[in-house]
PDB file of all heavy atoms in Angstrom:
ATOM      1  N   GLY A   1     278.631 -69.272 -92.775  1.00  0.00           N
ATOM      2  CA  GLY A   1     278.860 -69.149 -94.206  1.00  0.00           C
ATOM      3  C   GLY A   1     280.232 -69.712 -94.536  1.00  0.00           C
ATOM      4  O   GLY A   1     281.096 -69.859 -93.665  1.00  0.00           O
ATOM      5  N   TYR A   2     280.456 -70.028 -95.808  1.00  0.00           N
ATOM      6  CA  TYR A   2     281.713 -70.670 -96.179  1.00  0.00           C
ATOM      7  C   TYR A   2     282.894 -69.705 -96.176  1.00  0.00           C
ATOM      8  O   TYR A   2     284.028 -70.097 -96.459  1.00  0.00           O
ATOM      9  CB  TYR A   2     281.595 -71.362 -97.544  1.00  0.00           C
ATOM     10  CG  TYR A   2     281.304 -70.454 -98.714  1.00  0.00           C
ATOM     11  CD1 TYR A   2     282.325 -69.811 -99.391  1.00  0.00           C
ATOM     12  CD2 TYR A   2     279.999 -70.261 -99.154  1.00  0.00           C
ATOM     13  CE1 TYR A   2     282.052 -68.976-100.464  1.00  0.00           C
ATOM     14  CE2 TYR A   2     279.720 -69.436-100.214  1.00  0.00           C
ATOM     15  CZ  TYR A   2     280.745 -68.798-100.870  1.00  0.00           C
ATOM     16  OH  TYR A   2     280.474 -67.973-101.940  1.00  0.00           O
ATOM     17  N   MET A   3     282.655 -68.436 -95.854  1.00  0.00           N
ATOM     18  CA  MET A   3     283.750 -67.480 -95.739  1.00  0.00           C
ATOM     19  C   MET A   3     283.936 -67.013 -94.299  1.00  0.00           C
ATOM     20  O   MET A   3     284.672 -66.069 -94.047  1.00  0.00           O
ATOM     21  CB  MET A   3     283.483 -66.260 -96.633  1.00  0.00           C
ATOM     22  CG  MET A   3     283.290 -66.562 -98.102  1.00  0.00           C
ATOM     23  SD  MET A   3     284.789 -67.146 -98.889  1.00  0.00           S
ATOM     24  CE  MET A   3     285.745 -65.648 -98.974  1.00  0.00           C
ATOM     25  N   GLU A   4     283.297 -67.664 -93.354  1.00  0.00           N
ATOM     26  CA  GLU A   4     283.318 -67.205 -91.970  1.00  0.00           C
ATOM     27  C   GLU A   4     284.258 -68.028 -91.103  1.00  0.00           C
ATOM     28  O   GLU A   4     284.626 -69.149 -91.440  1.00  0.00           O
ATOM     29  CB  GLU A   4     281.904 -67.240 -91.383  1.00  0.00           C
ATOM     30  CG  GLU A   4     280.962 -66.212 -91.971  1.00  0.00           C
ATOM     31  CD  GLU A   4     279.628 -66.208 -91.278  1.00  0.00           C
ATOM     32  OE1 GLU A   4     278.867 -67.185 -91.442  1.00  0.00           O
ATOM     33  OE2 GLU A   4     279.338 -65.234 -90.564  1.00  0.00           O
ATOM     34  N   ASP A   5     284.597 -67.454 -89.970  1.00  0.00           N
ATOM     35  CA  ASP A   5     285.447 -68.101 -88.993  1.00  0.00           C
ATOM     36  C   ASP A   5     284.573 -68.864 -88.002  1.00  0.00           C
ATOM     37  O   ASP A   5     283.701 -68.263 -87.365  1.00  0.00           O
ATOM     38  CB  ASP A   5     286.261 -67.026 -88.272  1.00  0.00           C
ATOM     39  CG  ASP A   5     287.363 -67.626 -87.428  1.00  0.00           C
ATOM     40  OD1 ASP A   5     287.811 -68.731 -87.750  1.00  0.00           O
ATOM     41  OD2 ASP A   5     287.768 -66.975 -86.450  1.00  0.00           O
ATOM     42  N   PRO A   6     284.749 -70.182 -87.840  1.00  0.00           N
ATOM     43  CA  PRO A   6     283.857 -70.975 -86.978  1.00  0.00           C
ATOM     44  C   PRO A   6     284.172 -70.819 -85.493  1.00  0.00           C
ATOM     45  O   PRO A   6     284.839 -71.656 -84.894  1.00  0.00           O
ATOM     46  CB  PRO A   6     284.100 -72.403 -87.459  1.00  0.00           C
ATOM     47  CG  PRO A   6     285.504 -72.389 -87.942  1.00  0.00           C
ATOM     48  CD  PRO A   6     285.748 -71.033 -88.514  1.00  0.00           C
ATOM     49  N   ASN A   7     283.689 -69.756 -84.909  1.00  0.00           N
ATOM     50  CA  ASN A   7     283.887 -69.498 -83.487  1.00  0.00           C
ATOM     51  C   ASN A   7     282.617 -69.906 -82.743  1.00  0.00           C
ATOM     52  O   ASN A   7     281.619 -69.177 -82.717  1.00  0.00           O
ATOM     53  CB  ASN A   7     284.182 -68.008 -83.272  1.00  0.00           C
ATOM     54  CG  ASN A   7     284.629 -67.707 -81.861  1.00  0.00           C
ATOM     55  OD1 ASN A   7     284.075 -68.229 -80.903  1.00  0.00           O
ATOM     56  ND2 ASN A   7     285.634 -66.851 -81.735  1.00  0.00           N
ATOM     57  N   ILE A   8     282.651 -71.094 -82.146  1.00  0.00           N
ATOM     58  CA  ILE A   8     281.462 -71.645 -81.501  1.00  0.00           C
ATOM     59  C   ILE A   8     281.022 -70.834 -80.286  1.00  0.00           C
ATOM     60  O   ILE A   8     279.831 -70.495 -80.156  1.00  0.00           O
ATOM     61  CB  ILE A   8     281.687 -73.127 -81.119  1.00  0.00           C
ATOM     62  CG1 ILE A   8     281.819 -73.983 -82.393  1.00  0.00           C
ATOM     63  CG2 ILE A   8     280.536 -73.642 -80.267  1.00  0.00           C
ATOM     64  CD1 ILE A   8     280.597 -73.995 -83.260  1.00  0.00           C
ATOM     65  N   PRO A   9     281.902 -70.486 -79.348  1.00  0.00           N
ATOM     66  CA  PRO A   9     281.434 -69.718 -78.183  1.00  0.00           C
ATOM     67  C   PRO A   9     280.746 -68.420 -78.581  1.00  0.00           C
ATOM     68  O   PRO A   9     279.723 -68.044 -77.987  1.00  0.00           O
ATOM     69  CB  PRO A   9     282.737 -69.452 -77.409  1.00  0.00           C
ATOM     70  CG  PRO A   9     283.617 -70.602 -77.765  1.00  0.00           C
ATOM     71  CD  PRO A   9     283.313 -70.874 -79.205  1.00  0.00           C
ATOM     72  N   ARG A  10     281.294 -67.732 -79.575  1.00  0.00           N
ATOM     73  CA  ARG A  10     280.662 -66.490 -80.005  1.00  0.00           C
ATOM     74  C   ARG A  10     279.298 -66.764 -80.628  1.00  0.00           C
ATOM     75  O   ARG A  10     278.334 -66.029 -80.402  1.00  0.00           O
ATOM     76  CB  ARG A  10     281.567 -65.775 -81.005  1.00  0.00           C
ATOM     77  CG  ARG A  10     281.032 -64.425 -81.474  1.00  0.00           C
ATOM     78  CD  ARG A  10     281.960 -63.834 -82.543  1.00  0.00           C
ATOM     79  NE  ARG A  10     283.303 -63.691 -82.016  1.00  0.00           N
ATOM     80  CZ  ARG A  10     284.365 -63.475 -82.789  1.00  0.00           C
ATOM     81  NH1 ARG A  10     284.239 -63.428 -84.101  1.00  0.00           N
ATOM     82  NH2 ARG A  10     285.559 -63.326 -82.250  1.00  0.00           N
ATOM     83  N   ALA A  11     279.203 -67.841 -81.422  1.00  0.00           N
ATOM     84  CA  ALA A  11     277.937 -68.167 -82.086  1.00  0.00           C
ATOM     85  C   ALA A  11     276.866 -68.562 -81.072  1.00  0.00           C
ATOM     86  O   ALA A  11     275.678 -68.277 -81.263  1.00  0.00           O
ATOM     87  CB  ALA A  11     278.149 -69.286 -83.098  1.00  0.00           C
ATOM     88  N   LEU A  12     277.277 -69.203 -79.982  1.00  0.00           N
ATOM     89  CA  LEU A  12     276.301 -69.688 -79.011  1.00  0.00           C
ATOM     90  C   LEU A  12     275.614 -68.570 -78.235  1.00  0.00           C
ATOM     91  O   LEU A  12     274.607 -68.804 -77.558  1.00  0.00           O
ATOM     92  CB  LEU A  12     276.975 -70.653 -78.027  1.00  0.00           C
ATOM     93  CG  LEU A  12     277.393 -72.007 -78.612  1.00  0.00           C
ATOM     94  CD1 LEU A  12     278.052 -72.869 -77.554  1.00  0.00           C
ATOM     95  CD2 LEU A  12     276.207 -72.733 -79.223  1.00  0.00           C
ATOM     96  N   LYS A  13     276.150 -67.354 -78.337  1.00  0.00           N
ATOM     97  CA  LYS A  13     275.482 -66.228 -77.682  1.00  0.00           C
ATOM     98  C   LYS A  13     274.081 -66.021 -78.243  1.00  0.00           C
ATOM     99  O   LYS A  13     273.191 -65.505 -77.564  1.00  0.00           O
ATOM    100  CB  LYS A  13     276.310 -64.964 -77.853  1.00  0.00           C
ATOM    101  CG  LYS A  13     277.634 -64.992 -77.108  1.00  0.00           C
ATOM    102  CD  LYS A  13     278.414 -63.695 -77.334  1.00  0.00           C
ATOM    103  CE  LYS A  13     279.756 -63.735 -76.586  1.00  0.00           C
ATOM    104  NZ  LYS A  13     280.544 -62.492 -76.815  1.00  0.00           N
ATOM    105  N   ALA A  14     273.897 -66.446 -79.514  1.00  0.00           N
ATOM    106  CA  ALA A  14     272.585 -66.292 -80.141  1.00  0.00           C
ATOM    107  C   ALA A  14     271.543 -67.199 -79.501  1.00  0.00           C
ATOM    108  O   ALA A  14     270.337 -66.979 -79.676  1.00  0.00           O
ATOM    109  CB  ALA A  14     272.686 -66.579 -81.641  1.00  0.00           C
ATOM    110  N   CYS A  15     271.983 -68.228 -78.755  1.00  0.00           N
ATOM    111  CA  CYS A  15     271.020 -69.131 -78.110  1.00  0.00           C
ATOM    112  C   CYS A  15     270.172 -68.392 -77.070  1.00  0.00           C
ATOM    113  O   CYS A  15     269.017 -68.764 -76.821  1.00  0.00           O
ATOM    114  CB  CYS A  15     271.753 -70.295 -77.444  1.00  0.00           C
ATOM    115  SG  CYS A  15     272.524 -71.443 -78.614  1.00  0.00           S
ATOM    116  N   ARG A  16     270.748 -67.373 -76.454  1.00  0.00           N
ATOM    117  CA  ARG A  16     270.019 -66.666 -75.406  1.00  0.00           C
ATOM    118  C   ARG A  16     268.759 -66.012 -75.957  1.00  0.00           C
ATOM    119  O   ARG A  16     267.755 -65.895 -75.259  1.00  0.00           O
ATOM    120  CB  ARG A  16     270.931 -65.626 -74.770  1.00  0.00           C
ATOM    121  CG  ARG A  16     272.129 -66.222 -74.031  1.00  0.00           C
ATOM    122  CD  ARG A  16     272.933 -65.154 -73.305  1.00  0.00           C
ATOM    123  NE  ARG A  16     274.040 -65.744 -72.559  1.00  0.00           N
ATOM    124  CZ  ARG A  16     275.270 -65.857 -73.043  1.00  0.00           C
ATOM    125  NH1 ARG A  16     275.525 -65.433 -74.272  1.00  0.00           N
ATOM    126  NH2 ARG A  16     276.223 -66.387 -72.309  1.00  0.00           N
ATOM    127  N   LYS A  17     268.822 -65.585 -77.227  1.00  0.00           N
ATOM    128  CA  LYS A  17     267.662 -64.947 -77.840  1.00  0.00           C
ATOM    129  C   LYS A  17     266.543 -65.951 -78.091  1.00  0.00           C
ATOM    130  O   LYS A  17     265.397 -65.555 -78.314  1.00  0.00           O
ATOM    131  CB  LYS A  17     268.066 -64.286 -79.156  1.00  0.00           C
ATOM    132  CG  LYS A  17     269.088 -63.158 -78.989  1.00  0.00           C
ATOM    133  CD  LYS A  17     269.447 -62.546 -80.334  1.00  0.00           C
ATOM    134  CE  LYS A  17     270.478 -61.441 -80.179  1.00  0.00           C
ATOM    135  NZ  LYS A  17     270.863 -60.830 -81.481  1.00  0.00           N
ATOM    136  N   GLN A  18     266.882 -67.247 -78.055  1.00  0.00           N
ATOM    137  CA  GLN A  18     265.874 -68.272 -78.277  1.00  0.00           C
ATOM    138  C   GLN A  18     265.498 -68.998 -76.988  1.00  0.00           C
ATOM    139  O   GLN A  18     264.949 -70.094 -77.024  1.00  0.00           O
ATOM    140  CB  GLN A  18     266.373 -69.270 -79.330  1.00  0.00           C
ATOM    141  CG  GLN A  18     266.653 -68.613 -80.685  1.00  0.00           C
ATOM    142  CD  GLN A  18     266.820 -69.634 -81.788  1.00  0.00           C
ATOM    143  OE1 GLN A  18     266.197 -70.704 -81.775  1.00  0.00           O
ATOM    144  NE2 GLN A  18     267.645 -69.307 -82.772  1.00  0.00           N
ATOM    145  N   GLY A  19     265.829 -68.374 -75.852  1.00  0.00           N
ATOM    146  CA  GLY A  19     265.352 -68.896 -74.580  1.00  0.00           C
ATOM    147  C   GLY A  19     266.243 -69.893 -73.895  1.00  0.00           C
ATOM    148  O   GLY A  19     265.878 -70.428 -72.846  1.00  0.00           O
ATOM    149  N   ILE A  20     267.415 -70.193 -74.461  1.00  0.00           N
ATOM    150  CA  ILE A  20     268.329 -71.132 -73.819  1.00  0.00           C
ATOM    151  C   ILE A  20     269.423 -70.326 -73.138  1.00  0.00           C
ATOM    152  O   ILE A  20     270.191 -69.620 -73.794  1.00  0.00           O
ATOM    153  CB  ILE A  20     268.946 -72.106 -74.838  1.00  0.00           C
ATOM    154  CG1 ILE A  20     267.851 -72.989 -75.430  1.00  0.00           C
ATOM    155  CG2 ILE A  20     270.019 -72.960 -74.178  1.00  0.00           C
ATOM    156  CD1 ILE A  20     268.362 -74.022 -76.396  1.00  0.00           C
ATOM    157  N   LYS A  21     269.495 -70.431 -71.837  1.00  0.00           N
ATOM    158  CA  LYS A  21     270.473 -69.672 -71.096  1.00  0.00           C
ATOM    159  C   LYS A  21     271.484 -70.616 -70.460  1.00  0.00           C
ATOM    160  O   LYS A  21     271.122 -71.628 -69.873  1.00  0.00           O
ATOM    161  CB  LYS A  21     269.783 -68.832 -70.019  1.00  0.00           C
ATOM    162  CG  LYS A  21     268.830 -67.775 -70.594  1.00  0.00           C
ATOM    163  CD  LYS A  21     268.189 -66.958 -69.486  1.00  0.00           C
ATOM    164  CE  LYS A  21     267.242 -65.908 -70.065  1.00  0.00           C
ATOM    165  NZ  LYS A  21     266.617 -65.076 -69.013  1.00  0.00           N
ATOM    166  N   PHE A  22     272.736 -70.275 -70.605  1.00  0.00           N
ATOM    167  CA  PHE A  22     273.789 -71.054 -69.962  1.00  0.00           C
ATOM    168  C   PHE A  22     275.061 -70.217 -69.925  1.00  0.00           C
ATOM    169  O   PHE A  22     275.232 -69.280 -70.703  1.00  0.00           O
ATOM    170  CB  PHE A  22     274.041 -72.372 -70.705  1.00  0.00           C
ATOM    171  CG  PHE A  22     274.432 -72.202 -72.141  1.00  0.00           C
ATOM    172  CD1 PHE A  22     275.771 -72.057 -72.503  1.00  0.00           C
ATOM    173  CD2 PHE A  22     273.479 -72.177 -73.138  1.00  0.00           C
ATOM    174  CE1 PHE A  22     276.130 -71.903 -73.823  1.00  0.00           C
ATOM    175  CE2 PHE A  22     273.834 -72.022 -74.468  1.00  0.00           C
ATOM    176  CZ  PHE A  22     275.155 -71.884 -74.809  1.00  0.00           C
ATOM    177  N   ASP A  23     275.931 -70.573 -69.043  1.00  0.00           N
ATOM    178  CA  ASP A  23     277.227 -69.917 -68.904  1.00  0.00           C
ATOM    179  C   ASP A  23     278.261 -70.763 -69.630  1.00  0.00           C
ATOM    180  O   ASP A  23     278.424 -71.955 -69.311  1.00  0.00           O
ATOM    181  CB  ASP A  23     277.585 -69.767 -67.425  1.00  0.00           C
ATOM    182  CG  ASP A  23     278.935 -69.071 -67.227  1.00  0.00           C
ATOM    183  OD1 ASP A  23     279.546 -68.648 -68.230  1.00  0.00           O
ATOM    184  OD2 ASP A  23     279.370 -68.958 -66.067  1.00  0.00           O
ATOM    185  N   ILE A  24     278.930 -70.162 -70.606  1.00  0.00           N
ATOM    186  CA  ILE A  24     279.874 -70.924 -71.415  1.00  0.00           C
ATOM    187  C   ILE A  24     280.970 -71.547 -70.553  1.00  0.00           C
ATOM    188  O   ILE A  24     281.500 -72.612 -70.869  1.00  0.00           O
ATOM    189  CB  ILE A  24     280.497 -70.023 -72.509  1.00  0.00           C
ATOM    190  CG1 ILE A  24     281.236 -70.872 -73.560  1.00  0.00           C
ATOM    191  CG2 ILE A  24     281.451 -69.016 -71.895  1.00  0.00           C
ATOM    192  CD1 ILE A  24     280.355 -71.666 -74.433  1.00  0.00           C
ATOM    193  N   MET A  25     281.297 -70.899 -69.421  1.00  0.00           N
ATOM    194  CA  MET A  25     282.363 -71.416 -68.570  1.00  0.00           C
ATOM    195  C   MET A  25     281.879 -72.476 -67.587  1.00  0.00           C
ATOM    196  O   MET A  25     282.669 -72.995 -66.802  1.00  0.00           O
ATOM    197  CB  MET A  25     283.042 -70.271 -67.818  1.00  0.00           C
ATOM    198  CG  MET A  25     283.731 -69.265 -68.732  1.00  0.00           C
ATOM    199  SD  MET A  25     284.780 -70.054 -70.006  1.00  0.00           S
ATOM    200  CE  MET A  25     286.023 -70.837 -68.988  1.00  0.00           C
ATOM    201  N   SER A  26     280.589 -72.776 -67.606  1.00  0.00           N
ATOM    202  CA  SER A  26     280.094 -73.901 -66.808  1.00  0.00           C
ATOM    203  C   SER A  26     279.444 -74.934 -67.721  1.00  0.00           C
ATOM    204  O   SER A  26     278.647 -75.755 -67.275  1.00  0.00           O
ATOM    205  CB  SER A  26     279.088 -73.412 -65.756  1.00  0.00           C
ATOM    206  OG  SER A  26     277.944 -72.850 -66.382  1.00  0.00           O
ATOM    207  N   THR A  27     279.804 -74.849 -68.985  1.00  0.00           N
ATOM    208  CA  THR A  27     279.291 -75.781 -69.985  1.00  0.00           C
ATOM    209  C   THR A  27     280.389 -76.755 -70.387  1.00  0.00           C
ATOM    210  O   THR A  27     281.543 -76.363 -70.585  1.00  0.00           O
ATOM    211  CB  THR A  27     278.803 -75.019 -71.236  1.00  0.00           C
ATOM    212  OG1 THR A  27     277.719 -74.166 -70.878  1.00  0.00           O
ATOM    213  CG2 THR A  27     278.348 -75.982 -72.318  1.00  0.00           C
TER     214      THR A  27
END
């Protein structure tokens, strides 16, 4: 949203719920 802080690593946690699994520290 236009009032939110763009934190990509935190947002990418939602990928796990859609079947994409990865370790942010090996990405």
